[in-house]
Amino acid sequence: MTKRVAILASGGGSNMRALVADMTGDHPARPAVVLSNNADAGCIAWARAQGIATEVVDHRPFGSDRAAFEDAVSAALAPHAPDIICLAGFMRKLTAGFTDAWAGRMINIHPSLLPRYKGLDTHARALAAGDAEHGCTVHEVTAALDDGPILGQARIPVLPDDTPETLAARVLVQEHRLYPAVLRRFAAGLRDRIDLTG
């Protein structure tokens, strides 16, 4: 049975596009909806142009009431009956109330080799630490920030002349390889870890 995937994004959605591009042919999943907290996000315009259903839930009216915002997100997702949620640059921290409800059915991509560099500014932090390699991680989502079982990682060498920007660009290439590969397996019920090198 084909799985229905909801993709949550806040910006241009380059990882969303990579996921959608892969969900064809014998892939065990299809995109059901793209949801954003930003009506002007590029991901929404792109998804609409592809004929994919979209939803927008602006977080600003909810202020600091994360639970109320998440209730609105859940209500927006419900008509689309997703089986899996993929976070693809969704810049809102989710509470346990939401993540627990989707335990084992929600995955995220993070631009570091977790458990190193949870949170923001991962590329600058990797350079400041003098790391020899860097990369990205796809993991199951839990209430803890950038935590949860690791499903896959892609690694690249850190070059002597790398800046945070050049490193980010090279990691993004690997994100677009890793995330679709993990989702394809995840939707088929496979949870064993995969590792890529770039």
N, C-alpha and C. Protein backbone atom coordinates (compact mmCIF):
# COMPACT_ATOMS: atom_id res chain seq x y z
N MET A 1 0.84 -1.19 0.00
CA MET A 1 0.00 0.00 0.00
C MET A 1 0.89 1.25 0.00
N THR A 2 0.61 2.17 -0.90
CA THR A 2 1.43 3.37 -1.03
C THR A 2 1.23 4.29 0.16
N LYS A 3 2.32 4.75 0.74
CA LYS A 3 2.27 5.66 1.88
C LYS A 3 2.06 7.09 1.40
N ARG A 4 1.35 7.84 2.23
CA ARG A 4 1.08 9.25 1.95
C ARG A 4 2.02 10.09 2.81
N VAL A 5 2.75 11.01 2.17
CA VAL A 5 3.78 11.78 2.86
C VAL A 5 3.39 13.25 2.94
N ALA A 6 3.44 13.80 4.13
CA ALA A 6 3.32 15.24 4.34
C ALA A 6 4.72 15.80 4.52
N ILE A 7 5.02 16.87 3.78
CA ILE A 7 6.34 17.51 3.89
C ILE A 7 6.14 18.88 4.50
N LEU A 8 6.83 19.15 5.61
CA LEU A 8 6.75 20.43 6.30
C LEU A 8 8.02 21.22 6.04
N ALA A 9 7.86 22.44 5.53
CA ALA A 9 9.01 23.27 5.18
C ALA A 9 8.68 24.73 5.46
N SER A 10 9.73 25.53 5.64
CA SER A 10 9.54 26.96 5.94
C SER A 10 10.12 27.88 4.88
N GLY A 11 10.95 27.34 3.97
CA GLY A 11 11.64 28.20 3.01
C GLY A 11 11.44 27.74 1.58
N GLY A 12 12.55 27.74 0.83
CA GLY A 12 12.49 27.40 -0.58
C GLY A 12 12.18 25.94 -0.84
N GLY A 13 12.56 25.09 0.10
CA GLY A 13 12.19 23.69 -0.01
C GLY A 13 13.04 22.86 -0.96
N SER A 14 14.36 23.06 -0.96
CA SER A 14 15.17 22.26 -1.89
C SER A 14 15.14 20.78 -1.51
N ASN A 15 15.12 20.47 -0.23
CA ASN A 15 15.01 19.06 0.18
C ASN A 15 13.63 18.52 -0.15
N MET A 16 12.60 19.34 0.01
CA MET A 16 11.25 18.94 -0.38
C MET A 16 11.23 18.55 -1.85
N ARG A 17 11.86 19.36 -2.69
CA ARG A 17 11.87 19.09 -4.13
C ARG A 17 12.59 17.78 -4.43
N ALA A 18 13.69 17.52 -3.71
CA ALA A 18 14.42 16.27 -3.91
C ALA A 18 13.56 15.07 -3.52
N LEU A 19 12.81 15.21 -2.43
CA LEU A 19 11.93 14.12 -2.00
C LEU A 19 10.83 13.87 -3.03
N VAL A 20 10.19 14.95 -3.47
CA VAL A 20 9.10 14.83 -4.44
C VAL A 20 9.61 14.21 -5.74
N ALA A 21 10.77 14.66 -6.20
CA ALA A 21 11.32 14.15 -7.46
C ALA A 21 11.56 12.65 -7.41
N ASP A 22 11.86 12.13 -6.22
CA ASP A 22 12.15 10.70 -6.08
C ASP A 22 10.89 9.86 -5.92
N MET A 23 9.79 10.47 -5.50
CA MET A 23 8.56 9.71 -5.21
C MET A 23 7.78 9.44 -6.49
N THR A 24 8.38 8.65 -7.37
CA THR A 24 7.76 8.26 -8.63
C THR A 24 8.02 6.78 -8.85
N GLY A 25 7.42 6.24 -9.90
CA GLY A 25 7.70 4.85 -10.27
C GLY A 25 7.39 3.87 -9.15
N ASP A 26 8.39 3.05 -8.80
CA ASP A 26 8.16 2.00 -7.80
C ASP A 26 8.37 2.48 -6.37
N HIS A 27 8.51 3.78 -6.17
CA HIS A 27 8.69 4.31 -4.81
C HIS A 27 7.46 3.96 -3.97
N PRO A 28 7.66 3.54 -2.71
CA PRO A 28 6.52 3.12 -1.88
C PRO A 28 5.71 4.26 -1.28
N ALA A 29 6.01 5.51 -1.67
CA ALA A 29 5.28 6.65 -1.11
C ALA A 29 5.02 7.69 -2.19
N ARG A 30 4.05 8.57 -1.88
CA ARG A 30 3.74 9.70 -2.76
C ARG A 30 3.50 10.93 -1.89
N PRO A 31 3.80 12.13 -2.41
CA PRO A 31 3.53 13.35 -1.63
C PRO A 31 2.04 13.61 -1.54
N ALA A 32 1.54 13.80 -0.32
CA ALA A 32 0.12 14.07 -0.11
C ALA A 32 -0.15 15.55 0.11
N VAL A 33 0.79 16.25 0.76
CA VAL A 33 0.60 17.67 1.06
C VAL A 33 1.93 18.30 1.45
N VAL A 34 2.09 19.55 1.11
CA VAL A 34 3.22 20.36 1.61
C VAL A 34 2.62 21.42 2.51
N LEU A 35 3.11 21.50 3.74
CA LEU A 35 2.62 22.47 4.72
C LEU A 35 3.76 23.38 5.14
N SER A 36 3.45 24.67 5.23
CA SER A 36 4.45 25.65 5.68
C SER A 36 3.83 26.58 6.71
N ASN A 37 4.69 27.14 7.55
CA ASN A 37 4.27 28.19 8.48
C ASN A 37 4.44 29.57 7.86
N ASN A 38 4.80 29.62 6.58
CA ASN A 38 5.07 30.87 5.88
C ASN A 38 4.37 30.86 4.52
N ALA A 39 3.34 31.70 4.38
CA ALA A 39 2.55 31.72 3.15
C ALA A 39 3.38 32.12 1.94
N ASP A 40 4.46 32.88 2.16
CA ASP A 40 5.30 33.35 1.06
C ASP A 40 6.47 32.42 0.75
N ALA A 41 6.53 31.29 1.44
CA ALA A 41 7.66 30.37 1.25
C ALA A 41 7.67 29.82 -0.17
N GLY A 42 8.85 29.71 -0.73
CA GLY A 42 8.99 29.18 -2.07
C GLY A 42 8.46 27.76 -2.21
N CYS A 43 8.52 27.01 -1.13
CA CYS A 43 8.05 25.62 -1.18
C CYS A 43 6.56 25.54 -1.52
N ILE A 44 5.78 26.51 -1.04
CA ILE A 44 4.34 26.50 -1.29
C ILE A 44 4.06 26.78 -2.76
N ALA A 45 4.69 27.80 -3.29
CA ALA A 45 4.47 28.13 -4.70
C ALA A 45 4.90 26.98 -5.60
N TRP A 46 6.04 26.37 -5.29
CA TRP A 46 6.53 25.26 -6.12
C TRP A 46 5.58 24.07 -6.05
N ALA A 47 5.14 23.70 -4.83
CA ALA A 47 4.24 22.56 -4.69
C ALA A 47 2.94 22.78 -5.45
N ARG A 48 2.39 23.99 -5.35
CA ARG A 48 1.15 24.29 -6.08
C ARG A 48 1.36 24.14 -7.58
N ALA A 49 2.51 24.58 -8.05
CA ALA A 49 2.80 24.48 -9.49
C ALA A 49 2.90 23.02 -9.94
N GLN A 50 3.25 22.13 -9.01
CA GLN A 50 3.34 20.71 -9.33
C GLN A 50 2.02 19.98 -9.14
N GLY A 51 0.99 20.70 -8.68
CA GLY A 51 -0.30 20.07 -8.44
C GLY A 51 -0.38 19.33 -7.12
N ILE A 52 0.54 19.63 -6.20
CA ILE A 52 0.53 19.00 -4.87
C ILE A 52 -0.29 19.88 -3.93
N ALA A 53 -1.12 19.26 -3.11
CA ALA A 53 -1.93 20.01 -2.14
C ALA A 53 -1.02 20.77 -1.19
N THR A 54 -1.44 21.95 -0.78
CA THR A 54 -0.66 22.77 0.16
C THR A 54 -1.53 23.26 1.30
N GLU A 55 -0.89 23.51 2.41
CA GLU A 55 -1.54 24.11 3.58
C GLU A 55 -0.57 25.11 4.19
N VAL A 56 -1.10 26.20 4.70
CA VAL A 56 -0.29 27.20 5.41
C VAL A 56 -0.90 27.42 6.79
N VAL A 57 -0.06 27.28 7.82
CA VAL A 57 -0.47 27.59 9.19
C VAL A 57 0.55 28.58 9.74
N ASP A 58 0.20 29.84 9.73
CA ASP A 58 1.09 30.91 10.21
C ASP A 58 1.25 30.77 11.72
N HIS A 59 2.49 30.68 12.17
CA HIS A 59 2.74 30.50 13.60
C HIS A 59 2.56 31.79 14.40
N ARG A 60 2.63 32.92 13.73
CA ARG A 60 2.68 34.20 14.46
C ARG A 60 1.43 34.49 15.30
N PRO A 61 0.23 34.20 14.82
CA PRO A 61 -0.93 34.49 15.66
C PRO A 61 -0.97 33.69 16.96
N PHE A 62 -0.22 32.62 17.02
CA PHE A 62 -0.24 31.76 18.21
C PHE A 62 0.75 32.22 19.28
N GLY A 63 1.60 33.20 18.93
CA GLY A 63 2.57 33.70 19.90
C GLY A 63 3.45 32.58 20.43
N SER A 64 3.51 32.47 21.74
CA SER A 64 4.35 31.44 22.38
C SER A 64 3.58 30.15 22.66
N ASP A 65 2.33 30.07 22.22
CA ASP A 65 1.51 28.89 22.47
C ASP A 65 1.79 27.83 21.40
N ARG A 66 2.88 27.09 21.60
CA ARG A 66 3.28 26.09 20.61
C ARG A 66 2.23 24.99 20.46
N ALA A 67 1.59 24.61 21.56
CA ALA A 67 0.60 23.54 21.49
C ALA A 67 -0.57 23.93 20.60
N ALA A 68 -1.02 25.18 20.71
CA ALA A 68 -2.14 25.63 19.88
C ALA A 68 -1.74 25.66 18.40
N PHE A 69 -0.51 26.09 18.13
CA PHE A 69 -0.01 26.08 16.75
C PHE A 69 0.02 24.65 16.22
N GLU A 70 0.51 23.74 17.02
CA GLU A 70 0.60 22.34 16.58
C GLU A 70 -0.78 21.72 16.39
N ASP A 71 -1.76 22.12 17.22
CA ASP A 71 -3.13 21.65 17.01
C ASP A 71 -3.64 22.12 15.65
N ALA A 72 -3.30 23.34 15.29
CA ALA A 72 -3.73 23.87 13.99
C ALA A 72 -3.03 23.13 12.84
N VAL A 73 -1.76 22.80 13.04
CA VAL A 73 -1.04 22.01 12.03
C VAL A 73 -1.68 20.64 11.88
N SER A 74 -1.99 20.01 13.00
CA SER A 74 -2.63 18.69 12.94
C SER A 74 -3.97 18.75 12.22
N ALA A 75 -4.73 19.80 12.50
CA ALA A 75 -6.03 19.96 11.85
C ALA A 75 -5.88 20.17 10.34
N ALA A 76 -4.84 20.92 9.95
CA ALA A 76 -4.60 21.15 8.53
C ALA A 76 -4.14 19.88 7.82
N LEU A 77 -3.38 19.04 8.53
CA LEU A 77 -2.88 17.80 7.92
C LEU A 77 -3.96 16.73 7.83
N ALA A 78 -4.90 16.72 8.76
CA ALA A 78 -5.86 15.63 8.89
C ALA A 78 -6.59 15.26 7.59
N PRO A 79 -7.09 16.24 6.82
CA PRO A 79 -7.82 15.85 5.60
C PRO A 79 -6.96 15.13 4.58
N HIS A 80 -5.65 15.28 4.68
CA HIS A 80 -4.74 14.67 3.72
C HIS A 80 -4.28 13.28 4.17
N ALA A 81 -4.63 12.89 5.39
CA ALA A 81 -4.38 11.54 5.93
C ALA A 81 -2.96 11.05 5.69
N PRO A 82 -1.95 11.83 6.12
CA PRO A 82 -0.57 11.37 5.88
C PRO A 82 -0.20 10.18 6.77
N ASP A 83 0.64 9.33 6.22
CA ASP A 83 1.21 8.21 6.98
C ASP A 83 2.56 8.58 7.57
N ILE A 84 3.27 9.49 6.89
CA ILE A 84 4.63 9.88 7.27
C ILE A 84 4.73 11.40 7.16
N ILE A 85 5.46 12.01 8.12
CA ILE A 85 5.79 13.42 8.02
C ILE A 85 7.30 13.54 7.80
N CYS A 86 7.68 14.32 6.79
CA CYS A 86 9.08 14.65 6.56
C CYS A 86 9.28 16.13 6.86
N LEU A 87 10.16 16.43 7.79
CA LEU A 87 10.53 17.81 8.06
C LEU A 87 11.67 18.17 7.11
N ALA A 88 11.47 19.24 6.35
CA ALA A 88 12.45 19.63 5.35
C ALA A 88 12.71 21.13 5.47
N GLY A 89 13.47 21.49 6.50
CA GLY A 89 13.71 22.90 6.76
C GLY A 89 12.50 23.57 7.38
N PHE A 90 11.80 22.86 8.26
CA PHE A 90 10.66 23.43 8.99
C PHE A 90 11.21 24.07 10.26
N MET A 91 11.19 25.40 10.30
CA MET A 91 11.92 26.11 11.34
C MET A 91 11.08 26.41 12.57
N ARG A 92 10.35 25.40 13.03
CA ARG A 92 9.61 25.52 14.28
C ARG A 92 9.93 24.31 15.13
N LYS A 93 10.32 24.55 16.38
CA LYS A 93 10.59 23.43 17.28
C LYS A 93 9.26 22.82 17.72
N LEU A 94 9.15 21.52 17.62
CA LEU A 94 7.92 20.82 17.93
C LEU A 94 7.95 20.26 19.34
N THR A 95 6.80 20.29 20.01
CA THR A 95 6.72 19.82 21.39
C THR A 95 6.46 18.31 21.42
N ALA A 96 6.59 17.77 22.62
CA ALA A 96 6.37 16.33 22.79
C ALA A 96 4.94 15.93 22.43
N GLY A 97 3.99 16.84 22.64
CA GLY A 97 2.61 16.51 22.30
C GLY A 97 2.45 16.15 20.83
N PHE A 98 3.18 16.85 19.97
CA PHE A 98 3.11 16.57 18.54
C PHE A 98 4.03 15.41 18.15
N THR A 99 5.27 15.45 18.62
CA THR A 99 6.22 14.41 18.21
C THR A 99 5.82 13.03 18.73
N ASP A 100 5.26 12.97 19.93
CA ASP A 100 4.84 11.67 20.46
C ASP A 100 3.70 11.08 19.63
N ALA A 101 2.81 11.94 19.16
CA ALA A 101 1.69 11.47 18.35
C ALA A 101 2.16 10.88 17.03
N TRP A 102 3.33 11.34 16.56
CA TRP A 102 3.88 10.88 15.28
C TRP A 102 5.11 10.00 15.47
N ALA A 103 5.33 9.50 16.65
CA ALA A 103 6.52 8.69 16.94
C ALA A 103 6.62 7.52 15.96
N GLY A 104 7.81 7.38 15.36
CA GLY A 104 8.04 6.31 14.40
C GLY A 104 7.52 6.59 13.01
N ARG A 105 6.93 7.80 12.82
CA ARG A 105 6.35 8.14 11.51
C ARG A 105 6.80 9.52 11.02
N MET A 106 7.75 10.13 11.74
CA MET A 106 8.22 11.46 11.36
C MET A 106 9.74 11.48 11.32
N ILE A 107 10.29 12.01 10.21
CA ILE A 107 11.74 12.06 10.05
C ILE A 107 12.18 13.47 9.68
N ASN A 108 13.45 13.75 9.92
CA ASN A 108 14.02 15.08 9.71
C ASN A 108 15.42 14.94 9.13
N ILE A 109 15.84 15.97 8.39
CA ILE A 109 17.24 16.03 7.95
C ILE A 109 17.91 17.20 8.64
N HIS A 110 19.14 16.96 9.11
CA HIS A 110 19.88 17.97 9.86
C HIS A 110 21.28 18.09 9.27
N PRO A 111 21.79 19.32 9.08
CA PRO A 111 23.08 19.51 8.41
C PRO A 111 24.29 19.38 9.34
N SER A 112 24.41 18.22 9.96
CA SER A 112 25.64 17.89 10.69
C SER A 112 25.65 16.38 10.88
N LEU A 113 26.78 15.87 11.35
CA LEU A 113 26.88 14.45 11.66
C LEU A 113 26.47 14.27 13.12
N LEU A 114 25.17 14.17 13.33
CA LEU A 114 24.68 14.01 14.70
C LEU A 114 25.32 12.79 15.34
N PRO A 115 25.58 12.84 16.66
CA PRO A 115 25.08 13.84 17.63
C PRO A 115 25.87 15.15 17.71
N ARG A 116 26.82 15.36 16.81
CA ARG A 116 27.56 16.63 16.82
C ARG A 116 26.70 17.76 16.26
N TYR A 117 26.80 18.91 16.87
CA TYR A 117 26.24 20.16 16.36
C TYR A 117 24.72 20.13 16.15
N LYS A 118 24.03 19.85 17.22
CA LYS A 118 22.58 20.02 17.19
C LYS A 118 22.29 21.52 17.13
N GLY A 119 21.14 21.88 16.55
CA GLY A 119 20.77 23.28 16.49
C GLY A 119 21.31 23.97 15.24
N LEU A 120 21.62 25.25 15.36
CA LEU A 120 21.95 26.09 14.21
C LEU A 120 23.45 26.27 14.01
N ASP A 121 23.82 26.91 12.92
CA ASP A 121 25.21 27.29 12.61
C ASP A 121 26.15 26.08 12.59
N THR A 122 25.66 24.98 12.06
CA THR A 122 26.43 23.73 12.13
C THR A 122 27.73 23.79 11.34
N HIS A 123 27.71 24.45 10.19
CA HIS A 123 28.89 24.47 9.34
C HIS A 123 30.01 25.30 9.96
N ALA A 124 29.67 26.45 10.49
CA ALA A 124 30.66 27.28 11.17
C ALA A 124 31.22 26.56 12.39
N ARG A 125 30.37 25.84 13.09
CA ARG A 125 30.83 25.13 14.29
C ARG A 125 31.77 23.99 13.92
N ALA A 126 31.49 23.30 12.82
CA ALA A 126 32.38 22.23 12.38
C ALA A 126 33.75 22.78 11.99
N LEU A 127 33.76 23.93 11.31
CA LEU A 127 35.03 24.55 10.93
C LEU A 127 35.79 25.04 12.16
N ALA A 128 35.08 25.65 13.10
CA ALA A 128 35.73 26.16 14.31
C ALA A 128 36.36 25.04 15.13
N ALA A 129 35.75 23.85 15.05
CA ALA A 129 36.27 22.71 15.81
C ALA A 129 37.43 22.03 15.09
N GLY A 130 37.68 22.42 13.85
CA GLY A 130 38.76 21.79 13.09
C GLY A 130 38.44 20.39 12.61
N ASP A 131 37.15 20.10 12.41
CA ASP A 131 36.75 18.75 12.00
C ASP A 131 37.31 18.40 10.62
N ALA A 132 37.68 17.15 10.46
CA ALA A 132 38.20 16.68 9.18
C ALA A 132 37.08 16.29 8.22
N GLU A 133 35.91 15.99 8.79
CA GLU A 133 34.76 15.65 7.96
C GLU A 133 33.49 16.25 8.55
N HIS A 134 32.51 16.39 7.68
CA HIS A 134 31.24 17.01 8.05
C HIS A 134 30.17 16.32 7.21
N GLY A 135 28.93 16.68 7.38
CA GLY A 135 27.91 16.03 6.58
C GLY A 135 26.52 16.31 7.09
N CYS A 136 25.64 15.34 6.86
CA CYS A 136 24.23 15.51 7.25
C CYS A 136 23.68 14.19 7.77
N THR A 137 22.55 14.31 8.46
CA THR A 137 21.94 13.16 9.13
C THR A 137 20.44 13.18 8.91
N VAL A 138 19.87 12.03 8.63
CA VAL A 138 18.41 11.86 8.67
C VAL A 138 18.10 11.01 9.89
N HIS A 139 17.15 11.49 10.68
CA HIS A 139 16.82 10.80 11.93
C HIS A 139 15.32 10.83 12.18
N GLU A 140 14.87 9.89 12.99
CA GLU A 140 13.50 9.94 13.46
C GLU A 140 13.37 11.10 14.44
N VAL A 141 12.21 11.73 14.46
CA VAL A 141 12.01 12.91 15.28
C VAL A 141 11.46 12.52 16.65
N THR A 142 12.08 13.10 17.68
CA THR A 142 11.57 12.98 19.05
C THR A 142 11.42 14.40 19.60
N ALA A 143 10.97 14.49 20.84
CA ALA A 143 10.76 15.81 21.43
C ALA A 143 12.08 16.54 21.66
N ALA A 144 13.18 15.79 21.79
CA ALA A 144 14.49 16.43 21.98
C ALA A 144 14.99 16.97 20.65
N LEU A 145 15.56 18.17 20.66
CA LEU A 145 16.02 18.82 19.43
C LEU A 145 17.10 18.01 18.73
N ASP A 146 16.88 17.73 17.45
CA ASP A 146 17.87 17.04 16.61
C ASP A 146 18.38 15.76 17.28
N ASP A 147 17.41 15.01 17.79
CA ASP A 147 17.72 13.76 18.48
C ASP A 147 16.95 12.65 17.77
N GLY A 148 16.85 11.50 18.39
CA GLY A 148 16.10 10.39 17.80
C GLY A 148 17.00 9.46 17.03
N PRO A 149 16.53 8.23 16.78
CA PRO A 149 17.34 7.23 16.10
C PRO A 149 17.82 7.71 14.73
N ILE A 150 19.12 7.48 14.46
CA ILE A 150 19.71 7.89 13.19
C ILE A 150 19.40 6.83 12.12
N LEU A 151 18.87 7.29 10.99
CA LEU A 151 18.51 6.41 9.88
C LEU A 151 19.55 6.44 8.77
N GLY A 152 20.31 7.52 8.69
CA GLY A 152 21.33 7.61 7.65
C GLY A 152 22.19 8.84 7.81
N GLN A 153 23.41 8.76 7.30
CA GLN A 153 24.32 9.91 7.28
C GLN A 153 25.08 9.92 5.97
N ALA A 154 25.42 11.13 5.54
CA ALA A 154 26.30 11.32 4.38
C ALA A 154 27.47 12.19 4.83
N ARG A 155 28.68 11.76 4.47
CA ARG A 155 29.89 12.43 4.94
C ARG A 155 30.68 13.02 3.77
N ILE A 156 31.28 14.18 4.03
CA ILE A 156 32.19 14.79 3.06
C ILE A 156 33.43 15.25 3.81
N PRO A 157 34.58 15.32 3.12
CA PRO A 157 35.77 15.86 3.77
C PRO A 157 35.65 17.38 3.89
N VAL A 158 36.20 17.92 4.96
CA VAL A 158 36.32 19.37 5.09
C VAL A 158 37.61 19.79 4.40
N LEU A 159 37.50 20.71 3.45
CA LEU A 159 38.65 21.14 2.66
C LEU A 159 39.37 22.31 3.34
N PRO A 160 40.68 22.46 3.11
CA PRO A 160 41.45 23.50 3.80
C PRO A 160 40.90 24.91 3.59
N ASP A 161 40.32 25.18 2.43
CA ASP A 161 39.84 26.54 2.16
C ASP A 161 38.33 26.68 2.33
N ASP A 162 37.70 25.71 2.98
CA ASP A 162 36.25 25.78 3.17
C ASP A 162 35.85 26.96 4.04
N THR A 163 34.73 27.57 3.69
CA THR A 163 34.05 28.56 4.52
C THR A 163 32.71 27.94 4.93
N PRO A 164 32.01 28.55 5.88
CA PRO A 164 30.68 28.01 6.20
C PRO A 164 29.79 27.92 4.96
N GLU A 165 29.94 28.86 4.04
CA GLU A 165 29.09 28.87 2.85
C GLU A 165 29.45 27.75 1.88
N THR A 166 30.73 27.54 1.64
CA THR A 166 31.12 26.48 0.71
C THR A 166 30.81 25.11 1.30
N LEU A 167 31.01 24.99 2.60
CA LEU A 167 30.71 23.73 3.27
C LEU A 167 29.21 23.45 3.22
N ALA A 168 28.40 24.48 3.47
CA ALA A 168 26.94 24.32 3.41
C ALA A 168 26.50 23.87 2.03
N ALA A 169 27.10 24.46 0.99
CA ALA A 169 26.71 24.11 -0.38
C ALA A 169 27.03 22.66 -0.69
N ARG A 170 28.19 22.21 -0.24
CA ARG A 170 28.57 20.82 -0.53
C ARG A 170 27.76 19.83 0.31
N VAL A 171 27.42 20.21 1.54
CA VAL A 171 26.57 19.35 2.36
C VAL A 171 25.17 19.26 1.75
N LEU A 172 24.67 20.37 1.21
CA LEU A 172 23.33 20.37 0.64
C LEU A 172 23.22 19.36 -0.51
N VAL A 173 24.26 19.24 -1.30
CA VAL A 173 24.27 18.24 -2.37
C VAL A 173 24.04 16.84 -1.79
N GLN A 174 24.68 16.58 -0.66
CA GLN A 174 24.54 15.27 -0.01
C GLN A 174 23.16 15.11 0.63
N GLU A 175 22.60 16.20 1.15
CA GLU A 175 21.24 16.14 1.70
C GLU A 175 20.27 15.66 0.64
N HIS A 176 20.45 16.17 -0.58
CA HIS A 176 19.54 15.82 -1.67
C HIS A 176 19.72 14.39 -2.14
N ARG A 177 20.84 13.77 -1.80
CA ARG A 177 21.05 12.33 -2.05
C ARG A 177 20.49 11.49 -0.90
N LEU A 178 20.82 11.92 0.31
CA LEU A 178 20.53 11.09 1.49
C LEU A 178 19.05 11.04 1.82
N TYR A 179 18.39 12.20 1.86
CA TYR A 179 17.00 12.23 2.33
C TYR A 179 16.08 11.36 1.47
N PRO A 180 16.14 11.48 0.13
CA PRO A 180 15.29 10.60 -0.67
C PRO A 180 15.61 9.11 -0.47
N ALA A 181 16.90 8.80 -0.33
CA ALA A 181 17.28 7.40 -0.14
C ALA A 181 16.72 6.84 1.16
N VAL A 182 16.77 7.64 2.22
CA VAL A 182 16.24 7.19 3.51
C VAL A 182 14.71 7.10 3.46
N LEU A 183 14.05 8.09 2.88
CA LEU A 183 12.58 8.05 2.83
C LEU A 183 12.11 6.83 2.06
N ARG A 184 12.76 6.52 0.96
CA ARG A 184 12.36 5.35 0.17
C ARG A 184 12.39 4.09 1.03
N ARG A 185 13.41 3.94 1.83
CA ARG A 185 13.53 2.77 2.71
C ARG A 185 12.56 2.85 3.88
N PHE A 186 12.43 4.05 4.45
CA PHE A 186 11.56 4.25 5.60
C PHE A 186 10.11 3.93 5.24
N ALA A 187 9.68 4.38 4.07
CA ALA A 187 8.31 4.13 3.62
C ALA A 187 8.05 2.65 3.37
N ALA A 188 9.12 1.91 3.09
CA ALA A 188 9.01 0.47 2.88
C ALA A 188 9.13 -0.31 4.20
N GLY A 189 9.27 0.41 5.31
CA GLY A 189 9.34 -0.23 6.61
C GLY A 189 10.74 -0.60 7.06
N LEU A 190 11.75 -0.11 6.35
CA LEU A 190 13.14 -0.43 6.71
C LEU A 190 13.72 0.66 7.59
N ARG A 191 14.34 0.27 8.68
CA ARG A 191 14.91 1.24 9.62
C ARG A 191 16.41 1.09 9.80
N ASP A 192 17.04 0.16 9.09
CA ASP A 192 18.48 -0.01 9.24
C ASP A 192 19.19 1.18 8.61
N ARG A 193 20.27 1.57 9.23
CA ARG A 193 20.99 2.79 8.86
C ARG A 193 21.73 2.65 7.53
N ILE A 194 21.75 3.73 6.76
CA ILE A 194 22.56 3.76 5.54
C ILE A 194 23.59 4.89 5.67
N ASP A 195 24.74 4.69 5.06
CA ASP A 195 25.80 5.69 5.11
C ASP A 195 26.32 5.95 3.71
N LEU A 196 26.42 7.21 3.36
CA LEU A 196 26.91 7.63 2.05
C LEU A 196 28.15 8.50 2.23
N THR A 197 28.98 8.51 1.22
CA THR A 197 30.13 9.42 1.22
C THR A 197 30.08 10.23 -0.07
N GLY A 198 30.58 11.47 0.02
CA GLY A 198 30.53 12.34 -1.14
C GLY A 198 31.90 12.90 -1.45
